[in-house]
Amino acid sequence: MNTISKKTLAALMLTAVGLSAGAPAMAQPVPPAPDATASQPEAGPEGGPMRHDGGPRRPGGPGDLLDFGRGGEAIEVALVRLSHRLTLTEEQQGLLDTLKTDALAAADDFAKATEGLRPQPSAEGATPTPPSLVDRLDARIVMEKAHVTALEAVKPAVTAFFDSLTDEQKAQLQPQGRRDDGPRSPNHKGGPRHGVGG
């Protein structure tokens, strides 16, 4: 007959007690931090707190030009910054003004189409009821459709303005590379960012 040693039995009991003590803590629902989801913009190619490479976005840059989720103010800031980076001709300034008008109108339409879709902060002390997966999917579909509609609305003005720029002006709008002040992470060994590392 097989017998269990006292050490093995003690280890099994200790494990059982430890697991039973941790189970209730893991079963407790954890409410989201106040305003955590409501204050963060919808993530997307242009709209979100993180860039495609995982780094933090810098609000007000050229990417905000088509970031309707951040609102008209972010679009206006992006257009002002864009105009300060270039010396525009009178014709180009007119095209930029048209772009601004169309982009702000599209941002307003986007805000109206998506009103109420983002999580709202609950009353103090109340536990918010998270939306179901189906509700989140439905909201995401409406948001994406509204985003496509806004992009289509500004495309003619964007095309007209950017087609009017000279090659030199277009080069001035290209994102500036970051200075190489050393490794970007503990695992980074130098070399090109998107190429073969060294």
Protein backbone atom coordinates (compact mmCIF):
# COMPACT_ATOMS: atom_id res chain seq x y z
CA MET A 1 0.00 0.00 0.00
CA ASN A 2 1.25 3.47 -0.90
CA THR A 3 1.56 5.99 1.88
CA ILE A 4 1.96 9.72 1.72
CA SER A 5 4.79 11.14 3.78
CA LYS A 6 4.07 13.80 6.39
CA LYS A 7 6.02 16.38 4.38
CA THR A 8 3.98 15.70 1.24
CA LEU A 9 0.72 15.82 3.20
CA ALA A 10 1.74 19.13 4.81
CA ALA A 11 2.66 20.60 1.41
CA LEU A 12 -0.69 19.53 -0.08
CA MET A 13 -2.62 21.03 2.83
CA LEU A 14 -0.63 24.26 2.66
CA THR A 15 -1.34 24.49 -1.09
CA ALA A 16 -5.06 23.86 -0.54
CA VAL A 17 -5.27 26.51 2.18
CA GLY A 18 -3.36 29.01 0.03
CA LEU A 19 -5.58 28.42 -2.99
CA SER A 20 -8.78 28.63 -0.95
CA ALA A 21 -7.65 31.94 0.56
CA GLY A 22 -6.83 33.44 -2.84
CA ALA A 23 -9.98 32.30 -4.65
CA PRO A 24 -12.38 34.81 -3.04
CA ALA A 25 -9.99 37.67 -3.76
CA MET A 26 -9.76 36.69 -7.42
CA ALA A 27 -13.54 36.34 -7.68
CA GLN A 28 -14.25 39.92 -6.56
CA PRO A 29 -15.20 42.21 -9.44
CA VAL A 30 -12.76 45.07 -9.80
CA PRO A 31 -14.48 48.29 -10.86
CA PRO A 32 -12.56 50.35 -13.40
CA ALA A 33 -10.74 53.41 -12.16
CA PRO A 34 -12.96 56.49 -12.22
CA ASP A 35 -13.09 58.05 -15.68
CA ALA A 36 -10.41 55.62 -16.90
CA THR A 37 -12.32 54.59 -20.00
CA ALA A 38 -14.28 57.78 -20.49
CA SER A 39 -11.25 60.04 -20.50
CA GLN A 40 -9.16 58.03 -22.93
CA PRO A 41 -9.75 58.47 -26.64
CA GLU A 42 -10.69 55.58 -28.83
CA ALA A 43 -7.61 53.71 -29.97
CA GLY A 44 -7.10 53.47 -33.70
CA PRO A 45 -4.62 54.25 -36.42
CA GLU A 46 -4.75 57.96 -35.61
CA GLY A 47 -6.93 58.04 -32.53
CA GLY A 48 -5.43 56.79 -29.35
CA PRO A 49 -2.93 57.59 -26.69
CA MET A 50 -0.31 55.31 -28.22
CA ARG A 51 1.41 55.39 -31.57
CA HIS A 52 1.66 52.31 -33.78
CA ASP A 53 5.11 51.61 -32.35
CA GLY A 54 3.87 51.63 -28.75
CA GLY A 55 5.28 55.02 -27.78
CA PRO A 56 3.17 57.86 -26.45
CA ARG A 57 1.53 60.12 -28.99
CA ARG A 58 2.23 63.82 -29.00
CA PRO A 59 -1.14 65.59 -29.29
CA GLY A 60 -1.42 68.40 -31.81
CA GLY A 61 0.79 66.87 -34.49
CA PRO A 62 -0.10 66.20 -38.12
CA GLY A 63 -1.73 62.90 -37.13
CA ASP A 64 -4.45 64.82 -35.29
CA LEU A 65 -5.56 66.35 -38.58
CA LEU A 66 -7.79 63.32 -39.22
CA ASP A 67 -8.31 62.24 -35.60
CA PHE A 68 -12.01 63.00 -35.31
CA GLY A 69 -12.29 61.13 -32.01
CA ARG A 70 -10.22 63.85 -30.31
CA GLY A 71 -12.63 66.55 -31.44
CA GLY A 72 -12.52 69.76 -33.39
CA GLU A 73 -10.07 71.45 -31.04
CA ALA A 74 -7.36 68.83 -31.70
CA ILE A 75 -7.95 69.16 -35.44
CA GLU A 76 -7.71 72.94 -35.22
CA VAL A 77 -4.44 72.71 -33.24
CA ALA A 78 -3.02 70.27 -35.82
CA LEU A 79 -3.92 72.64 -38.67
CA VAL A 80 -2.36 75.63 -36.91
CA ARG A 81 0.83 73.67 -36.29
CA LEU A 82 0.85 72.52 -39.90
CA SER A 83 0.48 76.11 -41.12
CA HIS A 84 3.39 77.22 -38.92
CA ARG A 85 5.66 74.57 -40.44
CA LEU A 86 5.11 75.82 -43.99
CA THR A 87 5.29 79.07 -45.89
CA LEU A 88 2.04 78.94 -47.83
CA THR A 89 1.09 80.75 -51.00
CA GLU A 90 -2.21 82.62 -51.12
CA GLU A 91 -3.76 79.75 -53.08
CA GLN A 92 -2.47 77.17 -50.58
CA GLN A 93 -3.80 79.24 -47.66
CA GLY A 94 -7.24 79.22 -49.30
CA LEU A 95 -7.07 75.45 -49.71
CA LEU A 96 -5.99 75.08 -46.07
CA ASP A 97 -8.94 77.24 -44.98
CA THR A 98 -11.28 74.98 -46.96
CA LEU A 99 -9.65 71.93 -45.36
CA LYS A 100 -10.15 73.46 -41.91
CA THR A 101 -13.83 74.17 -42.59
CA ASP A 102 -14.45 70.66 -43.92
CA ALA A 103 -12.45 68.95 -41.14
CA LEU A 104 -14.23 70.85 -38.35
CA ALA A 105 -17.62 70.07 -39.92
CA ALA A 106 -16.65 66.39 -40.19
CA ALA A 107 -15.50 66.38 -36.56
CA ASP A 108 -18.83 67.88 -35.51
CA ASP A 109 -20.76 65.27 -37.53
CA PHE A 110 -18.57 62.52 -36.03
CA ALA A 111 -19.27 63.77 -32.50
CA LYS A 112 -23.03 63.82 -33.15
CA ALA A 113 -23.01 60.34 -34.74
CA THR A 114 -21.06 58.82 -31.85
CA GLU A 115 -22.68 60.71 -28.97
CA GLY A 116 -23.40 58.38 -26.08
CA LEU A 117 -21.37 55.48 -27.46
CA ARG A 118 -18.37 55.94 -25.21
CA PRO A 119 -18.57 54.80 -21.59
CA GLN A 120 -19.81 57.53 -19.30
CA PRO A 121 -18.65 57.98 -15.71
CA SER A 122 -21.18 56.67 -13.22
CA ALA A 123 -22.49 58.48 -10.18
CA GLU A 124 -20.21 58.49 -7.18
CA GLY A 125 -20.35 55.24 -5.28
CA ALA A 126 -22.31 53.46 -8.01
CA THR A 127 -20.80 50.42 -9.64
CA PRO A 128 -20.93 50.87 -13.40
CA THR A 129 -22.45 48.06 -15.39
CA PRO A 130 -20.04 47.17 -18.16
CA PRO A 131 -21.61 46.85 -21.61
CA SER A 132 -21.91 43.39 -23.07
CA LEU A 133 -19.62 42.21 -25.84
CA VAL A 134 -22.46 42.64 -28.36
CA ASP A 135 -23.12 46.21 -27.17
CA ARG A 136 -19.41 47.05 -27.43
CA LEU A 137 -19.28 45.54 -30.92
CA ASP A 138 -22.35 47.52 -32.02
CA ALA A 139 -20.82 50.73 -30.65
CA ARG A 140 -17.52 49.99 -32.39
CA ILE A 141 -19.30 49.45 -35.72
CA VAL A 142 -21.11 52.80 -35.39
CA MET A 143 -17.82 54.53 -34.43
CA GLU A 144 -15.93 53.03 -37.38
CA LYS A 145 -18.70 53.90 -39.85
CA ALA A 146 -18.77 57.47 -38.53
CA HIS A 147 -14.97 57.64 -38.86
CA VAL A 148 -15.09 56.44 -42.48
CA THR A 149 -17.85 58.96 -43.24
CA ALA A 150 -15.74 61.77 -41.75
CA LEU A 151 -12.66 60.68 -43.71
CA GLU A 152 -14.64 60.59 -46.94
CA ALA A 153 -16.01 64.08 -46.20
CA VAL A 154 -12.53 65.62 -45.88
CA LYS A 155 -10.73 63.62 -48.57
CA PRO A 156 -11.35 66.12 -51.42
CA ALA A 157 -10.05 69.05 -49.33
CA VAL A 158 -7.07 67.04 -48.04
CA THR A 159 -6.22 65.93 -51.57
CA ALA A 160 -6.51 69.45 -52.99
CA PHE A 161 -4.33 70.96 -50.25
CA PHE A 162 -1.60 68.32 -50.27
CA ASP A 163 -1.51 68.20 -54.08
CA SER A 164 -0.83 71.95 -54.05
CA LEU A 165 2.32 71.54 -51.92
CA THR A 166 5.76 71.53 -53.47
CA ASP A 167 8.10 68.61 -52.89
CA GLU A 168 10.08 70.79 -50.48
CA GLN A 169 6.94 71.59 -48.47
CA LYS A 170 5.96 67.91 -48.38
CA ALA A 171 9.44 67.06 -47.09
CA GLN A 172 8.96 69.58 -44.26
CA LEU A 173 5.86 67.69 -43.17
CA GLN A 174 7.58 64.32 -42.94
CA PRO A 175 7.93 63.09 -39.35
CA GLN A 176 11.29 63.93 -37.89
CA GLY A 177 13.32 60.92 -36.80
CA ARG A 178 14.26 60.70 -33.18
CA ARG A 179 17.78 61.42 -32.08
CA ASP A 180 19.79 58.34 -31.29
CA ASP A 181 20.61 58.97 -27.64
CA GLY A 182 21.28 55.32 -26.99
CA PRO A 183 19.28 52.14 -26.66
CA ARG A 184 15.52 52.48 -26.79
CA SER A 185 14.95 49.64 -24.37
CA PRO A 186 17.06 47.27 -22.28
CA ASN A 187 16.76 44.65 -25.05
CA HIS A 188 17.63 47.05 -27.89
CA LYS A 189 21.10 46.46 -29.28
CA GLY A 190 21.28 49.42 -31.66
CA GLY A 191 20.95 49.31 -35.40
CA PRO A 192 18.05 50.40 -37.59
CA ARG A 193 14.70 50.68 -35.92
CA HIS A 194 12.74 48.52 -38.36
CA GLY A 195 15.60 46.62 -39.93
CA VAL A 196 18.04 44.01 -38.83
CA GLY A 197 19.37 44.90 -35.38
CA GLY A 198 23.06 44.91 -34.55
